[in-house]
Amino acid sequence: MERHGVKFCASCGMQIYLPSRRVAIPKEAAISRYREGESLASLARSFHVSQATLRRRFAEWKIDTRGAPEAAQAIRPIQKFNR
């Protein structure tokens, strides 16, 4: 239940506090590695976030992500990161 933008438990009426869970991602490192050809999946694993989270951050940073055909072409250069 929500009142005035604050969440409350529906059964007991106590206020619910939700911790901030935003994970810090090193912006310059992520962008640099992505532009060198590393995949979103590989970057997401190394930063311990989901691909969706990383895609959202790239959108916030105004970085265009590769589409499926471009990502498939980038598979070969990725192998140097996964050794």
Protein backbone atom coordinates (compact mmCIF):
# COMPACT_ATOMS: atom_id res chain seq x y z
CA MET A 1 0.00 0.00 0.00
CA GLU A 2 1.28 3.48 -0.78
CA ARG A 3 0.33 6.84 0.73
CA HIS A 4 1.94 10.11 -0.29
CA GLY A 5 4.74 8.27 -2.10
CA VAL A 6 5.66 6.18 0.99
CA LYS A 7 5.13 2.40 1.05
CA PHE A 8 3.31 0.74 3.95
CA CYS A 9 2.65 -2.90 4.78
CA ALA A 10 -0.95 -3.79 3.84
CA SER A 11 -1.50 -6.07 6.84
CA CYS A 12 0.14 -4.19 9.73
CA GLY A 13 0.39 -0.63 8.41
CA MET A 14 4.10 -0.24 9.22
CA GLN A 15 6.25 1.83 6.87
CA ILE A 16 8.41 -0.22 4.53
CA TYR A 17 11.99 0.91 3.95
CA LEU A 18 13.56 -0.34 0.76
CA PRO A 19 17.35 -0.10 0.58
CA SER A 20 18.96 1.53 -2.39
CA ARG A 21 20.38 -1.27 -4.51
CA ARG A 22 22.08 0.71 -7.26
CA VAL A 23 25.40 -0.97 -7.99
CA ALA A 24 28.33 1.27 -8.90
CA ILE A 25 29.69 0.51 -12.36
CA PRO A 26 32.99 2.12 -13.41
CA LYS A 27 31.73 4.21 -16.33
CA GLU A 28 34.96 4.79 -18.25
CA ALA A 29 36.11 1.16 -17.92
CA ALA A 30 32.73 -0.20 -19.03
CA ILE A 31 32.52 2.12 -22.04
CA SER A 32 36.11 1.48 -23.06
CA ARG A 33 35.81 -2.30 -22.85
CA TYR A 34 32.49 -2.23 -24.74
CA ARG A 35 33.94 -0.11 -27.54
CA GLU A 36 36.89 -2.52 -27.78
CA GLY A 37 34.41 -5.27 -28.60
CA GLU A 38 33.52 -6.93 -25.30
CA SER A 39 29.87 -8.02 -25.09
CA LEU A 40 27.25 -6.68 -22.72
CA ALA A 41 26.91 -10.20 -21.29
CA SER A 42 30.61 -10.41 -20.48
CA LEU A 43 30.68 -6.92 -18.99
CA ALA A 44 27.57 -7.61 -16.93
CA ARG A 45 29.16 -10.76 -15.47
CA SER A 46 32.37 -8.93 -14.58
CA PHE A 47 30.48 -6.05 -12.88
CA HIS A 48 27.99 -8.45 -11.14
CA VAL A 49 24.90 -6.85 -12.69
CA SER A 50 22.31 -7.99 -15.22
CA GLN A 51 22.55 -7.20 -18.90
CA ALA A 52 19.38 -5.13 -18.54
CA THR A 53 21.00 -3.02 -15.82
CA LEU A 54 24.08 -2.47 -17.93
CA ARG A 55 21.95 -1.61 -20.98
CA ARG A 56 20.04 0.97 -18.87
CA ARG A 57 23.30 2.52 -17.65
CA PHE A 58 24.59 2.77 -21.21
CA ALA A 59 21.35 4.51 -22.17
CA GLU A 60 21.80 6.93 -19.23
CA TRP A 61 25.35 7.59 -20.41
CA LYS A 62 24.06 8.11 -23.98
CA ILE A 63 26.10 5.17 -25.33
CA ASP A 64 24.53 3.28 -28.23
CA THR A 65 24.57 -0.49 -27.78
CA ARG A 66 25.07 -2.98 -30.58
CA GLY A 67 22.08 -4.76 -32.07
CA ALA A 68 21.94 -8.56 -32.44
CA PRO A 69 23.67 -8.69 -35.87
CA GLU A 70 26.48 -6.42 -34.69
CA ALA A 71 26.84 -8.33 -31.43
CA ALA A 72 27.19 -11.61 -33.34
CA GLN A 73 30.06 -10.08 -35.33
CA ALA A 74 31.77 -9.01 -32.10
CA ILE A 75 31.98 -12.55 -30.69
CA ARG A 76 35.50 -13.24 -31.95
CA PRO A 77 37.23 -10.24 -30.27
CA ILE A 78 35.52 -11.08 -26.97
CA GLN A 79 37.54 -14.25 -26.56
CA LYS A 80 40.60 -12.26 -25.50
CA PHE A 81 38.65 -11.03 -22.43
CA ASN A 82 37.49 -14.47 -21.32
CA ARG A 83 40.87 -16.20 -21.00
